[in-house]
Amino acid sequence: MAPTRDRRPGFSRRAQYSLFLTYILAIAGAVVGAVLLALSAFNPAAFAALRATLREVTTPVSSGLSAAFGTVAGAPDAIGGYFRVHGENEELRAEVKRTRAALLQAQIIVRDNRRLRGLLKLRDGTPNPVVTARIVSSSASSTRRFGVLNAGIWQGVREGQPVRGPDGLLGRVVETGPNTARVLLLTDPNSIVPVRRIGDGMPALAAGRGDGMVDIRSVDTADAKLRPGDRFVTSGTGGIYTPGVLVARVVRAGSDTAPAQPYARPDTFDFALVSEAFVPPPPPPRPLPDKSKGRK
């Protein structure tokens, strides 16, 4: 059966209104287009003003729509960028962690090299070195302060020999075994070292306190003034310690007695140098009187 030529929408009110509105819009669009065409042909200035007005009205709407479309279009890139940046941050954190570990290892190596160079320089400058030994242990929490060296009689270590590090005096050997030696540290209560102050040579004694510090006690000086920062070195008195070795620095002012911090701490380095005991040279012989002058 051939299709009917009647295209009317029938009895549907909605369809009829839609078709009518479509005709109206088409006719209105044609009229507006004809008016604008005639206006552009006969009055270009008015047409330009109308076009500018329409442009001012539609520009904000176009801008908003463009921004909305840009945001929607850029959402996949933003999501991908977030995950990409997150992954790069994780990689950078891992790289920083590896770099930090390498830096700490390098700092340890530099510190060890500095200590070993200082010890080597100390050994070269010591007149009678015996052996360079490792400090295998030290009693830092007891009232008695001792250290143990991994060198003994077989390496030439004897009782009474001074022990020092690159920073200063550590103490002296009090017991020896075949391959070990016990060192009475400078901070032990039974340790007393003759010292003198740098600058004026004031004699004093460095006595251990048992708490990691020493007391500087003046000798043969009435009302001695001890100031923070005063440095003391071994004096050589007693024939054990070589003169000029750093011992301690005063940390608090005092009269005749003041607390001081030792320069050398056995818990801050690994090696120590054992040297021969210092024996001062004997005094020059006194000239004998000439008996021939008494004869006449």
Protein backbone atom coordinates (compact mmCIF):
# COMPACT_ATOMS: atom_id res chain seq x y z
CA MET A 1 0.00 0.00 0.00
CA ALA A 2 1.44 3.37 -1.03
CA PRO A 3 2.21 5.82 1.81
CA THR A 4 -0.25 8.65 2.19
CA ARG A 5 0.76 12.12 1.12
CA ASP A 6 -0.93 13.64 4.16
CA ARG A 7 1.91 14.64 6.56
CA ARG A 8 -0.29 16.34 9.12
CA PRO A 9 0.47 15.29 12.68
CA GLY A 10 -3.05 14.09 13.25
CA PHE A 11 -4.94 14.89 16.41
CA SER A 12 -1.79 15.21 18.68
CA ARG A 13 -1.85 18.70 20.17
CA ARG A 14 1.83 18.50 21.16
CA ALA A 15 2.92 17.56 17.66
CA GLN A 16 0.82 20.33 16.17
CA TYR A 17 2.31 22.93 18.54
CA SER A 18 5.85 21.72 17.84
CA LEU A 19 5.31 21.95 14.10
CA PHE A 20 3.78 25.42 14.44
CA LEU A 21 6.65 26.63 16.62
CA THR A 22 9.11 25.33 14.10
CA TYR A 23 7.46 27.29 11.31
CA ILE A 24 7.39 30.42 13.46
CA LEU A 25 11.11 30.12 14.29
CA ALA A 26 11.99 29.52 10.67
CA ILE A 27 10.01 32.53 9.51
CA ALA A 28 11.48 34.67 12.35
CA GLY A 29 14.99 33.57 11.48
CA ALA A 30 14.41 34.40 7.82
CA VAL A 31 13.00 37.81 8.71
CA VAL A 32 15.87 38.58 11.10
CA GLY A 33 18.38 37.47 8.48
CA ALA A 34 16.72 39.64 5.83
CA VAL A 35 16.68 42.62 8.19
CA LEU A 36 20.33 42.17 9.09
CA LEU A 37 21.26 41.76 5.43
CA ALA A 38 19.40 44.91 4.49
CA LEU A 39 20.89 46.77 7.49
CA SER A 40 24.41 45.76 6.50
CA ALA A 41 23.81 46.90 2.94
CA PHE A 42 22.05 50.22 3.57
CA ASN A 43 23.43 51.24 7.00
CA PRO A 44 26.84 49.60 7.71
CA ALA A 45 27.45 51.80 10.80
CA ALA A 46 24.27 50.65 12.54
CA PHE A 47 25.01 47.06 11.59
CA ALA A 48 28.53 47.34 13.07
CA ALA A 49 27.09 48.77 16.32
CA LEU A 50 24.58 45.93 16.53
CA ARG A 51 27.28 43.38 15.85
CA ALA A 52 29.48 44.86 18.60
CA THR A 53 26.57 44.74 21.05
CA LEU A 54 25.88 41.11 20.27
CA ARG A 55 29.57 40.35 20.63
CA GLU A 56 29.70 41.97 24.07
CA VAL A 57 26.70 39.95 25.18
CA THR A 58 27.86 36.60 23.83
CA THR A 59 31.56 36.85 24.78
CA PRO A 60 31.11 36.07 28.53
CA VAL A 61 28.89 33.13 27.67
CA SER A 62 31.44 31.86 25.16
CA SER A 63 34.24 32.30 27.67
CA GLY A 64 32.36 30.34 30.34
CA LEU A 65 31.51 27.55 27.92
CA SER A 66 35.10 27.46 26.65
CA ALA A 67 36.47 27.20 30.20
CA ALA A 68 33.98 24.47 31.04
CA PHE A 69 34.85 22.50 27.91
CA GLY A 70 38.58 23.03 28.63
CA THR A 71 38.17 21.74 32.16
CA VAL A 72 36.27 18.69 31.02
CA ALA A 73 38.74 18.03 28.20
CA GLY A 74 41.74 18.48 30.53
CA ALA A 75 40.43 16.19 33.26
CA PRO A 76 42.08 13.03 31.81
CA ASP A 77 45.41 14.84 31.49
CA ALA A 78 45.10 16.16 35.07
CA ILE A 79 44.35 12.69 36.42
CA GLY A 80 47.23 11.20 34.46
CA GLY A 81 49.53 14.01 35.61
CA TYR A 82 48.59 13.38 39.24
CA PHE A 83 49.52 9.72 39.05
CA ARG A 84 52.67 10.55 37.08
CA VAL A 85 53.77 13.18 39.61
CA HIS A 86 52.95 10.80 42.46
CA GLY A 87 55.18 8.15 40.92
CA GLU A 88 57.97 10.65 40.32
CA ASN A 89 57.73 11.80 43.96
CA GLU A 90 58.11 8.22 45.14
CA GLU A 91 61.16 7.79 42.93
CA LEU A 92 62.64 11.05 44.21
CA ARG A 93 62.06 9.99 47.83
CA ALA A 94 63.80 6.69 47.20
CA GLU A 95 66.67 8.53 45.50
CA VAL A 96 66.97 10.95 48.44
CA LYS A 97 67.05 8.01 50.86
CA ARG A 98 69.80 6.31 48.86
CA THR A 99 71.72 9.57 48.59
CA ARG A 100 71.40 10.20 52.34
CA ALA A 101 72.76 6.74 53.12
CA ALA A 102 75.68 7.31 50.72
CA LEU A 103 76.34 10.72 52.28
CA LEU A 104 76.42 9.26 55.80
CA GLN A 105 78.81 6.55 54.63
CA ALA A 106 81.03 9.18 53.01
CA GLN A 107 81.01 11.26 56.19
CA ILE A 108 82.04 8.21 58.21
CA ILE A 109 84.88 7.49 55.78
CA VAL A 110 86.04 11.11 55.87
CA ARG A 111 85.99 11.15 59.69
CA ASP A 112 87.90 7.86 59.89
CA ASN A 113 90.45 9.10 57.36
CA ARG A 114 90.91 12.31 59.31
CA ARG A 115 91.51 10.37 62.52
CA LEU A 116 93.91 7.97 60.86
CA ARG A 117 95.83 10.83 59.25
CA GLY A 118 96.03 12.55 62.62
CA LEU A 119 97.29 9.37 64.23
CA LEU A 120 99.85 8.87 61.46
CA LYS A 121 101.04 12.44 61.90
CA LEU A 122 101.21 11.88 65.64
CA ARG A 123 103.26 8.72 65.17
CA ASP A 124 105.68 10.50 62.86
CA GLY A 125 106.10 13.31 65.40
CA THR A 126 106.52 11.08 68.46
CA PRO A 127 110.21 10.44 69.20
CA ASN A 128 109.85 6.90 70.60
CA PRO A 129 106.62 5.27 69.40
CA VAL A 130 106.08 1.68 70.49
CA VAL A 131 102.93 0.53 68.72
CA THR A 132 99.65 1.79 67.32
CA ALA A 133 96.85 -0.26 68.88
CA ARG A 134 93.09 -0.37 68.67
CA ILE A 135 90.97 0.54 71.69
CA VAL A 136 88.70 -2.49 71.89
CA SER A 137 86.73 -1.36 74.96
CA SER A 138 86.48 1.32 77.62
CA SER A 139 84.48 1.68 80.83
CA ALA A 140 82.46 4.83 80.26
CA SER A 141 79.68 4.12 82.77
CA SER A 142 81.72 3.02 85.79
CA THR A 143 83.39 5.17 88.41
CA ARG A 144 86.66 3.48 87.45
CA ARG A 145 87.82 4.40 83.97
CA PHE A 146 89.95 1.88 82.10
CA GLY A 147 90.58 1.09 78.46
CA VAL A 148 91.79 -2.10 76.79
CA LEU A 149 94.25 -2.18 73.89
CA ASN A 150 94.73 -5.09 71.52
CA ALA A 151 98.51 -4.97 71.96
CA GLY A 152 100.63 -6.27 74.81
CA ILE A 153 104.07 -7.54 75.79
CA TRP A 154 104.63 -9.28 72.46
CA GLN A 155 104.21 -5.90 70.73
CA GLY A 156 106.56 -4.10 73.14
CA VAL A 157 103.97 -2.60 75.49
CA ARG A 158 105.13 -2.23 79.10
CA GLU A 159 103.60 -0.87 82.30
CA GLY A 160 104.01 2.86 82.79
CA GLN A 161 104.04 3.76 79.11
CA PRO A 162 101.84 6.76 78.15
CA VAL A 163 98.95 6.32 75.73
CA ARG A 164 97.66 9.16 73.59
CA GLY A 165 95.40 9.83 70.64
CA PRO A 166 95.38 12.48 67.91
CA ASP A 167 93.47 14.88 70.21
CA GLY A 168 95.51 14.52 73.36
CA LEU A 169 96.52 12.33 76.28
CA LEU A 170 94.48 9.23 77.14
CA GLY A 171 96.33 7.77 80.12
CA ARG A 172 99.03 5.22 80.87
CA VAL A 173 99.43 1.44 80.78
CA VAL A 174 98.93 -0.26 84.17
CA GLU A 175 98.64 -3.95 83.19
CA THR A 176 99.97 -5.95 80.27
CA GLY A 177 99.33 -9.37 78.79
CA PRO A 178 100.77 -11.13 75.75
CA ASN A 179 98.43 -9.33 73.32
CA THR A 180 96.41 -6.97 75.51
CA ALA A 181 97.08 -4.04 77.80
CA ARG A 182 94.96 -2.22 80.36
CA VAL A 183 95.09 1.56 80.32
CA LEU A 184 94.31 3.78 83.30
CA LEU A 185 92.40 6.58 81.63
CA LEU A 186 92.96 10.24 82.40
CA THR A 187 89.49 10.54 83.95
CA ASP A 188 89.94 7.74 86.51
CA PRO A 189 89.97 8.91 90.16
CA ASN A 190 93.41 7.32 90.65
CA SER A 191 94.94 9.20 87.71
CA ILE A 192 97.08 12.26 88.44
CA VAL A 193 99.04 13.93 85.65
CA PRO A 194 101.46 16.84 86.11
CA VAL A 195 100.44 19.66 83.75
CA ARG A 196 101.14 23.30 83.05
CA ARG A 197 98.97 26.07 81.68
CA ILE A 198 99.60 27.26 78.15
CA GLY A 199 100.57 30.90 78.21
CA ASP A 200 102.17 31.42 81.59
CA GLY A 201 103.37 27.87 82.39
CA MET A 202 101.58 27.73 85.75
CA PRO A 203 102.11 24.23 87.20
CA ALA A 204 99.11 22.15 88.18
CA LEU A 205 97.80 18.61 88.48
CA ALA A 206 95.06 17.03 86.35
CA ALA A 207 93.20 14.62 88.66
CA GLY A 208 90.46 12.31 87.36
CA ARG A 209 86.94 12.69 88.73
CA GLY A 210 85.43 9.39 87.55
CA ASP A 211 82.66 11.12 85.59
CA GLY A 212 84.42 11.81 82.31
CA MET A 213 85.99 15.05 83.58
CA VAL A 214 89.18 16.04 85.41
CA ASP A 215 89.96 18.58 88.09
CA ILE A 216 92.76 21.07 87.50
CA ARG A 217 94.48 21.72 90.83
CA SER A 218 97.08 24.44 91.14
CA VAL A 219 100.47 23.59 92.66
CA ASP A 220 102.65 25.94 94.72
CA THR A 221 100.48 28.90 93.76
CA ALA A 222 98.40 30.84 96.25
CA ASP A 223 94.97 31.97 95.08
CA ALA A 224 95.39 30.77 91.49
CA LYS A 225 92.71 32.02 89.11
CA LEU A 226 91.47 29.38 86.70
CA ARG A 227 89.31 30.71 83.86
CA PRO A 228 87.09 28.93 81.32
CA GLY A 229 89.11 28.17 78.20
CA ASP A 230 92.46 27.74 80.00
CA ARG A 231 94.33 24.91 78.28
CA PHE A 232 96.73 22.58 80.01
CA VAL A 233 99.42 20.30 78.60
CA THR A 234 101.72 17.75 80.14
CA SER A 235 104.73 19.27 81.89
CA GLY A 236 107.07 16.26 81.78
CA THR A 237 107.45 16.25 85.57
CA GLY A 238 107.69 12.70 86.91
CA GLY A 239 109.36 11.23 83.84
CA ILE A 240 106.30 9.44 82.35
CA TYR A 241 104.49 11.84 80.00
CA THR A 242 106.23 13.69 77.19
CA PRO A 243 105.94 17.49 77.69
CA GLY A 244 103.54 19.46 75.53
CA VAL A 245 100.73 16.90 75.04
CA LEU A 246 97.24 18.40 75.28
CA VAL A 247 95.40 17.25 78.41
CA ALA A 248 92.28 19.28 79.22
CA ARG A 249 90.47 22.60 78.91
CA VAL A 250 88.84 24.37 81.86
CA VAL A 251 85.06 24.65 81.50
CA ARG A 252 84.17 26.58 84.65
CA ALA A 253 86.03 29.24 86.59
CA GLY A 254 87.55 28.37 89.92
CA SER A 255 90.10 29.37 92.48
CA ASP A 256 92.90 26.81 92.91
CA THR A 257 90.61 24.03 91.53
CA ALA A 258 88.38 23.96 88.46
CA PRO A 259 86.66 21.24 86.38
CA ALA A 260 88.05 20.61 82.91
CA GLN A 261 87.10 18.60 79.84
CA PRO A 262 89.79 16.23 78.49
CA TYR A 263 90.72 16.73 74.85
CA ALA A 264 90.97 13.00 74.12
CA ARG A 265 87.95 10.76 74.67
CA PRO A 266 88.40 7.02 74.09
CA ASP A 267 84.79 6.64 72.94
CA THR A 268 85.29 9.00 69.98
CA PHE A 269 88.11 7.23 68.12
CA ASP A 270 89.39 3.69 67.57
CA PHE A 271 93.18 3.84 67.66
CA ALA A 272 95.75 5.04 70.14
CA LEU A 273 99.52 5.38 70.19
CA VAL A 274 101.69 3.82 72.90
CA SER A 275 105.09 5.44 73.34
CA GLU A 276 108.09 5.04 75.58
CA ALA A 277 107.98 6.75 78.94
CA PHE A 278 109.56 10.18 78.91
CA VAL A 279 112.82 10.30 80.81
CA PRO A 280 114.15 13.82 81.16
CA PRO A 281 117.82 14.22 80.33
CA PRO A 282 120.09 14.18 83.33
CA PRO A 283 121.36 17.53 84.50
CA PRO A 284 124.79 18.51 83.14
CA PRO A 285 127.69 17.49 85.39
CA ARG A 286 128.87 20.16 87.73
CA PRO A 287 132.45 21.25 87.07
CA LEU A 288 134.94 19.99 89.62
CA PRO A 289 136.90 22.62 91.52
CA ASP A 290 140.44 23.19 90.29
CA LYS A 291 142.70 22.05 93.12
CA SER A 292 145.78 23.55 91.49
CA LYS A 293 144.46 27.06 92.20
CA GLY A 294 144.52 26.34 95.93
CA ARG A 295 148.18 25.43 95.90
CA LYS A 296 150.81 28.08 96.34
